[in-house]
């Protein structure tokens, strides 16, 4: 599979939120406006790329040769947690407003199942290092796209007349399900 096909597949066809339903907590929590969505999306892109560039060689050159594949989950979570701490320190110093707006969701990147899923997918799909990085970038970019799409929908919802029984979380789930159905149209795009 070419690098472009891997990217499009991860970005649109197999979108981590809208098709695989991973990372729904930050999807709902951080999509209240575009600025938060971009900040969270960039943090996830950064952590996902770093996690992939750390876990892929660690698995292939340390865990697998030593027969320690059973430690994969523990090792990958520890690496992701350390990387999130680095991002947290950086944001706290360089962008305190973004750091404050992200609140608990920044710490939740540590347990973001989408990032962990990317690291596992890279191993299970047999991608080489370059393919793994492209896949990671595609998944993380798809995550950011999903956040931005829901943030745009939420802005429209604020100014739209919504029936009382749908106000709040119910309308968000309706909007998210419609976004998911729209992304189903991409299935079969890449063979």
C-alpha atoms as a PDB file:
ATOM      1  CA  UNK A   1       0.000   0.000   0.000  1.00  0.00           C
ATOM      2  CA  UNK A   2       1.397   3.415  -0.901  1.00  0.00           C
ATOM      3  CA  UNK A   3       1.980   6.048   1.731  1.00  0.00           C
ATOM      4  CA  UNK A   4      -0.810   8.194   0.298  1.00  0.00           C
ATOM      5  CA  UNK A   5      -3.296   5.312   0.535  1.00  0.00           C
ATOM      6  CA  UNK A   6      -2.243   4.638   4.115  1.00  0.00           C
ATOM      7  CA  UNK A   7      -2.782   8.304   4.994  1.00  0.00           C
ATOM      8  CA  UNK A   8      -6.201   8.573   3.302  1.00  0.00           C
ATOM      9  CA  UNK A   9      -7.294   5.295   4.839  1.00  0.00           C
ATOM     10  CA  UNK A  10      -6.339   6.431   8.349  1.00  0.00           C
ATOM     11  CA  UNK A  11      -7.598   9.998   7.869  1.00  0.00           C
ATOM     12  CA  UNK A  12     -11.005   9.415   6.285  1.00  0.00           C
ATOM     13  CA  UNK A  13     -11.971   5.801   5.705  1.00  0.00           C
ATOM     14  CA  UNK A  14     -10.994   4.362   9.078  1.00  0.00           C
ATOM     15  CA  UNK A  15     -11.398   7.595  11.065  1.00  0.00           C
ATOM     16  CA  UNK A  16     -10.500   6.885  14.653  1.00  0.00           C
ATOM     17  CA  UNK A  17     -13.499   8.731  16.127  1.00  0.00           C
ATOM     18  CA  UNK A  18     -16.230   8.621  13.533  1.00  0.00           C
ATOM     19  CA  UNK A  19     -15.691   5.063  12.284  1.00  0.00           C
ATOM     20  CA  UNK A  20     -13.889   3.242  15.100  1.00  0.00           C
ATOM     21  CA  UNK A  21     -15.509   5.176  17.983  1.00  0.00           C
ATOM     22  CA  UNK A  22     -12.280   5.596  19.945  1.00  0.00           C
ATOM     23  CA  UNK A  23     -11.398   8.733  21.952  1.00  0.00           C
ATOM     24  CA  UNK A  24     -15.000   9.836  22.386  1.00  0.00           C
ATOM     25  CA  UNK A  25     -14.328  11.631  25.690  1.00  0.00           C
ATOM     26  CA  UNK A  26     -12.082  14.334  24.183  1.00  0.00           C
ATOM     27  CA  UNK A  27     -14.294  14.362  21.074  1.00  0.00           C
ATOM     28  CA  UNK A  28     -17.261  15.585  23.108  1.00  0.00           C
ATOM     29  CA  UNK A  29     -15.281  17.514  25.729  1.00  0.00           C
ATOM     30  CA  UNK A  30     -12.847  19.439  23.553  1.00  0.00           C
ATOM     31  CA  UNK A  31     -15.065  20.298  20.611  1.00  0.00           C
ATOM     32  CA  UNK A  32     -16.822  23.226  22.251  1.00  0.00           C
ATOM     33  CA  UNK A  33     -14.916  25.711  20.066  1.00  0.00           C
ATOM     34  CA  UNK A  34     -12.417  25.675  17.235  1.00  0.00           C
ATOM     35  CA  UNK A  35      -9.462  26.975  19.275  1.00  0.00           C
ATOM     36  CA  UNK A  36      -9.712  24.154  21.809  1.00  0.00           C
ATOM     37  CA  UNK A  37     -10.167  21.653  19.003  1.00  0.00           C
ATOM     38  CA  UNK A  38      -7.055  22.849  17.190  1.00  0.00           C
ATOM     39  CA  UNK A  39      -5.018  22.861  20.411  1.00  0.00           C
ATOM     40  CA  UNK A  40      -6.100  19.367  21.362  1.00  0.00           C
ATOM     41  CA  UNK A  41      -5.677  18.136  17.794  1.00  0.00           C
ATOM     42  CA  UNK A  42      -2.121  19.481  17.546  1.00  0.00           C
ATOM     43  CA  UNK A  43      -1.230  17.970  20.932  1.00  0.00           C
ATOM     44  CA  UNK A  44      -2.582  14.585  19.818  1.00  0.00           C
ATOM     45  CA  UNK A  45      -0.728  14.797  16.482  1.00  0.00           C
ATOM     46  CA  UNK A  46       2.500  15.601  18.305  1.00  0.00           C
ATOM     47  CA  UNK A  47       2.121  12.864  20.927  1.00  0.00           C
ATOM     48  CA  UNK A  48       0.970  10.279  18.373  1.00  0.00           C
ATOM     49  CA  UNK A  49       3.948  10.912  16.095  1.00  0.00           C
ATOM     50  CA  UNK A  50       6.362  10.838  19.011  1.00  0.00           C
ATOM     51  CA  UNK A  51       4.754   7.702  20.447  1.00  0.00           C
ATOM     52  CA  UNK A  52       4.971   5.958  17.088  1.00  0.00           C
ATOM     53  CA  UNK A  53       8.579   6.990  16.558  1.00  0.00           C
ATOM     54  CA  UNK A  54       9.423   5.636  20.022  1.00  0.00           C
ATOM     55  CA  UNK A  55       7.300   2.483  20.207  1.00  0.00           C
ATOM     56  CA  UNK A  56       7.938   1.078  16.729  1.00  0.00           C
ATOM     57  CA  UNK A  57      11.728   0.731  17.114  1.00  0.00           C
ATOM     58  CA  UNK A  58      11.378  -0.316  20.746  1.00  0.00           C
ATOM     59  CA  UNK A  59       9.063  -3.144  19.762  1.00  0.00           C
ATOM     60  CA  UNK A  60      11.059  -4.298  16.723  1.00  0.00           C
ATOM     61  CA  UNK A  61      14.555  -3.934  18.179  1.00  0.00           C
ATOM     62  CA  UNK A  62      14.045  -4.673  21.887  1.00  0.00           C
ATOM     63  CA  UNK A  63      10.773  -6.366  22.832  1.00  0.00           C
ATOM     64  CA  UNK A  64      10.470  -8.752  19.878  1.00  0.00           C
ATOM     65  CA  UNK A  65      14.105  -9.951  19.747  1.00  0.00           C
ATOM     66  CA  UNK A  66      14.089 -10.575  23.509  1.00  0.00           C
ATOM     67  CA  UNK A  67      10.731 -12.362  23.409  1.00  0.00           C
ATOM     68  CA  UNK A  68       9.089  -9.713  25.604  1.00  0.00           C
ATOM     69  CA  UNK A  69       6.105  -8.958  23.400  1.00  0.00           C
ATOM     70  CA  UNK A  70       3.816  -9.570  26.388  1.00  0.00           C
ATOM     71  CA  UNK A  71       5.115  -6.298  27.889  1.00  0.00           C
ATOM     72  CA  UNK A  72       3.917  -4.326  24.869  1.00  0.00           C
ATOM     73  CA  UNK A  73       0.859  -2.765  26.538  1.00  0.00           C
ATOM     74  CA  UNK A  74       2.722  -1.710  29.668  1.00  0.00           C
ATOM     75  CA  UNK A  75       5.718  -0.310  27.797  1.00  0.00           C
ATOM     76  CA  UNK A  76       3.598   1.567  25.260  1.00  0.00           C
ATOM     77  CA  UNK A  77       1.434   3.158  27.972  1.00  0.00           C
ATOM     78  CA  UNK A  78       4.529   4.254  29.907  1.00  0.00           C
ATOM     79  CA  UNK A  79       6.034   5.816  26.776  1.00  0.00           C
ATOM     80  CA  UNK A  80       2.796   7.648  25.950  1.00  0.00           C
ATOM     81  CA  UNK A  81       2.496   8.885  29.553  1.00  0.00           C
ATOM     82  CA  UNK A  82       6.040  10.251  29.488  1.00  0.00           C
ATOM     83  CA  UNK A  83       5.426  12.005  26.179  1.00  0.00           C
ATOM     84  CA  UNK A  84       2.205  13.585  27.464  1.00  0.00           C
ATOM     85  CA  UNK A  85       4.118  14.925  30.459  1.00  0.00           C
ATOM     86  CA  UNK A  86       6.587  16.565  28.073  1.00  0.00           C
ATOM     87  CA  UNK A  87       3.741  18.167  26.117  1.00  0.00           C
ATOM     88  CA  UNK A  88       2.131  19.305  29.357  1.00  0.00           C
ATOM     89  CA  UNK A  89       5.348  20.981  30.560  1.00  0.00           C
ATOM     90  CA  UNK A  90       5.814  22.654  27.192  1.00  0.00           C
ATOM     91  CA  UNK A  91       2.238  23.984  27.025  1.00  0.00           C
ATOM     92  CA  UNK A  92       2.345  25.176  30.608  1.00  0.00           C
ATOM     93  CA  UNK A  93       5.393  27.316  29.813  1.00  0.00           C
ATOM     94  CA  UNK A  94       4.686  28.436  26.249  1.00  0.00           C
ATOM     95  CA  UNK A  95       0.863  28.581  26.005  1.00  0.00           C
ATOM     96  CA  UNK A  96      -0.671  28.919  29.480  1.00  0.00           C
ATOM     97  CA  UNK A  97      -4.100  29.902  28.129  1.00  0.00           C
ATOM     98  CA  UNK A  98      -4.304  26.776  25.964  1.00  0.00           C
ATOM     99  CA  UNK A  99      -2.971  24.698  28.852  1.00  0.00           C
ATOM    100  CA  UNK A 100      -5.710  26.038  31.149  1.00  0.00           C
ATOM    101  CA  UNK A 101      -8.453  25.568  28.550  1.00  0.00           C
ATOM    102  CA  UNK A 102      -7.468  21.949  27.948  1.00  0.00           C
ATOM    103  CA  UNK A 103      -7.749  21.172  31.660  1.00  0.00           C
ATOM    104  CA  UNK A 104      -8.159  17.494  32.457  1.00  0.00           C
ATOM    105  CA  UNK A 105      -8.308  16.534  28.775  1.00  0.00           C
ATOM    106  CA  UNK A 106      -4.576  17.107  28.392  1.00  0.00           C
ATOM    107  CA  UNK A 107      -3.862  14.537  31.087  1.00  0.00           C
ATOM    108  CA  UNK A 108      -6.387  12.226  29.461  1.00  0.00           C
ATOM    109  CA  UNK A 109      -4.208  12.061  26.338  1.00  0.00           C
ATOM    110  CA  UNK A 110      -2.153   9.615  28.398  1.00  0.00           C
ATOM    111  CA  UNK A 111      -5.015   7.165  28.350  1.00  0.00           C
ATOM    112  CA  UNK A 112      -6.351   8.223  24.955  1.00  0.00           C
ATOM    113  CA  UNK A 113      -7.186   4.889  23.424  1.00  0.00           C
ATOM    114  CA  UNK A 114      -6.700   6.333  19.933  1.00  0.00           C
ATOM    115  CA  UNK A 115      -2.982   6.894  20.526  1.00  0.00           C
ATOM    116  CA  UNK A 116      -2.560   3.462  22.035  1.00  0.00           C
ATOM    117  CA  UNK A 117      -4.563   1.958  19.155  1.00  0.00           C
ATOM    118  CA  UNK A 118      -2.211   3.592  16.636  1.00  0.00           C
ATOM    119  CA  UNK A 119       0.827   2.038  18.280  1.00  0.00           C
ATOM    120  CA  UNK A 120      -0.827  -1.400  18.277  1.00  0.00           C
ATOM    121  CA  UNK A 121      -2.139  -1.012  14.714  1.00  0.00           C
ATOM    122  CA  UNK A 122       1.351  -0.225  13.446  1.00  0.00           C
ATOM    123  CA  UNK A 123       2.578  -3.535  14.841  1.00  0.00           C
ATOM    124  CA  UNK A 124      -0.419  -5.656  13.836  1.00  0.00           C
ATOM    125  CA  UNK A 125      -0.585  -4.274  10.285  1.00  0.00           C
ATOM    126  CA  UNK A 126       3.110  -4.946   9.761  1.00  0.00           C
ATOM    127  CA  UNK A 127       3.958  -1.394   8.718  1.00  0.00           C
ATOM    128  CA  UNK A 128       7.576  -0.367   8.363  1.00  0.00           C
ATOM    129  CA  UNK A 129       8.797   2.740  10.167  1.00  0.00           C
ATOM    130  CA  UNK A 130       7.858   5.239   7.431  1.00  0.00           C
ATOM    131  CA  UNK A 131       4.427   3.666   6.948  1.00  0.00           C
ATOM    132  CA  UNK A 132       3.893   3.754  10.712  1.00  0.00           C
ATOM    133  CA  UNK A 133       4.621   7.470  10.849  1.00  0.00           C
ATOM    134  CA  UNK A 134       2.288   8.189   7.927  1.00  0.00           C
ATOM    135  CA  UNK A 135      -0.446   6.067   9.518  1.00  0.00           C
ATOM    136  CA  UNK A 136       0.039   7.842  12.861  1.00  0.00           C
ATOM    137  CA  UNK A 137      -0.152  11.249  11.188  1.00  0.00           C
ATOM    138  CA  UNK A 138      -3.288  10.206   9.291  1.00  0.00           C
ATOM    139  CA  UNK A 139      -5.048   8.929  12.407  1.00  0.00           C
ATOM    140  CA  UNK A 140      -4.119  11.990  14.463  1.00  0.00           C
ATOM    141  CA  UNK A 141      -5.109  14.348  11.641  1.00  0.00           C
ATOM    142  CA  UNK A 142      -8.433  12.511  11.340  1.00  0.00           C
ATOM    143  CA  UNK A 143      -8.883  12.993  15.090  1.00  0.00           C
ATOM    144  CA  UNK A 144      -8.314  16.735  14.668  1.00  0.00           C
ATOM    145  CA  UNK A 145     -10.663  16.885  11.669  1.00  0.00           C
ATOM    146  CA  UNK A 146     -13.397  15.187  13.701  1.00  0.00           C
ATOM    147  CA  UNK A 147     -12.941  17.669  16.551  1.00  0.00           C
ATOM    148  CA  UNK A 148     -13.109  20.620  14.159  1.00  0.00           C
ATOM    149  CA  UNK A 149     -16.198  19.290  12.393  1.00  0.00           C
ATOM    150  CA  UNK A 150     -18.064  18.811  15.659  1.00  0.00           C
ATOM    151  CA  UNK A 151     -16.908  22.233  16.889  1.00  0.00           C
ATOM    152  CA  UNK A 152     -18.366  23.799  13.740  1.00  0.00           C
ATOM    153  CA  UNK A 153     -21.628  21.926  14.216  1.00  0.00           C
ATOM    154  CA  UNK A 154     -21.753  23.008  17.866  1.00  0.00           C
ATOM    155  CA  UNK A 155     -21.360  26.656  16.841  1.00  0.00           C
ATOM    156  CA  UNK A 156     -24.320  26.280  14.498  1.00  0.00           C
ATOM    157  CA  UNK A 157     -26.338  24.541  17.213  1.00  0.00           C
ATOM    158  CA  UNK A 158     -25.828  27.509  19.568  1.00  0.00           C
ATOM    159  CA  UNK A 159     -27.742  29.782  17.210  1.00  0.00           C
ATOM    160  CA  UNK A 160     -30.332  27.265  16.026  1.00  0.00           C
ATOM    161  CA  UNK A 161     -33.731  26.583  17.551  1.00  0.00           C
ATOM    162  CA  UNK A 162     -33.444  23.142  19.131  1.00  0.00           C
ATOM    163  CA  UNK A 163     -36.417  21.288  20.646  1.00  0.00           C
ATOM    164  CA  UNK A 164     -36.189  21.204  24.440  1.00  0.00           C
ATOM    165  CA  UNK A 165     -35.857  17.412  24.616  1.00  0.00           C
ATOM    166  CA  UNK A 166     -32.749  17.527  22.386  1.00  0.00           C
ATOM    167  CA  UNK A 167     -30.888  20.412  24.067  1.00  0.00           C
ATOM    168  CA  UNK A 168     -27.447  19.661  25.453  1.00  0.00           C
ATOM    169  CA  UNK A 169     -25.852  16.256  25.059  1.00  0.00           C
ATOM    170  CA  UNK A 170     -28.628  14.597  23.018  1.00  0.00           C
ATOM    171  CA  UNK A 171     -28.182  16.982  20.072  1.00  0.00           C
ATOM    172  CA  UNK A 172     -24.418  16.393  20.216  1.00  0.00           C
ATOM    173  CA  UNK A 173     -24.950  12.673  19.832  1.00  0.00           C
ATOM    174  CA  UNK A 174     -27.336  13.253  16.933  1.00  0.00           C
ATOM    175  CA  UNK A 175     -24.758  15.527  15.272  1.00  0.00           C
ATOM    176  CA  UNK A 176     -21.945  13.043  15.912  1.00  0.00           C
ATOM    177  CA  UNK A 177     -23.993  10.189  14.474  1.00  0.00           C
ATOM    178  CA  UNK A 178     -24.725  12.223  11.331  1.00  0.00           C
ATOM    179  CA  UNK A 179     -21.011  12.989  10.968  1.00  0.00           C
ATOM    180  CA  UNK A 180     -20.271   9.293  11.363  1.00  0.00           C
ATOM    181  CA  UNK A 181     -22.809   8.380   8.703  1.00  0.00           C
ATOM    182  CA  UNK A 182     -21.265  10.936   6.357  1.00  0.00           C
ATOM    183  CA  UNK A 183     -17.854   9.322   6.852  1.00  0.00           C
ATOM    184  CA  UNK A 184     -19.334   5.933   5.964  1.00  0.00           C
ATOM    185  CA  UNK A 185     -19.512   7.294   2.432  1.00  0.00           C
ATOM    186  CA  UNK A 186     -15.709   7.079   2.250  1.00  0.00           C
ATOM    187  CA  UNK A 187     -15.685   3.304   2.726  1.00  0.00           C
ATOM    188  CA  UNK A 188     -14.387   1.575  -0.364  1.00  0.00           C
ATOM    189  CA  UNK A 189     -12.501   4.693  -1.488  1.00  0.00           C
ATOM    190  CA  UNK A 190      -9.110   2.987  -1.213  1.00  0.00           C
ATOM    191  CA  UNK A 191      -8.654  -0.616  -2.251  1.00  0.00           C
END
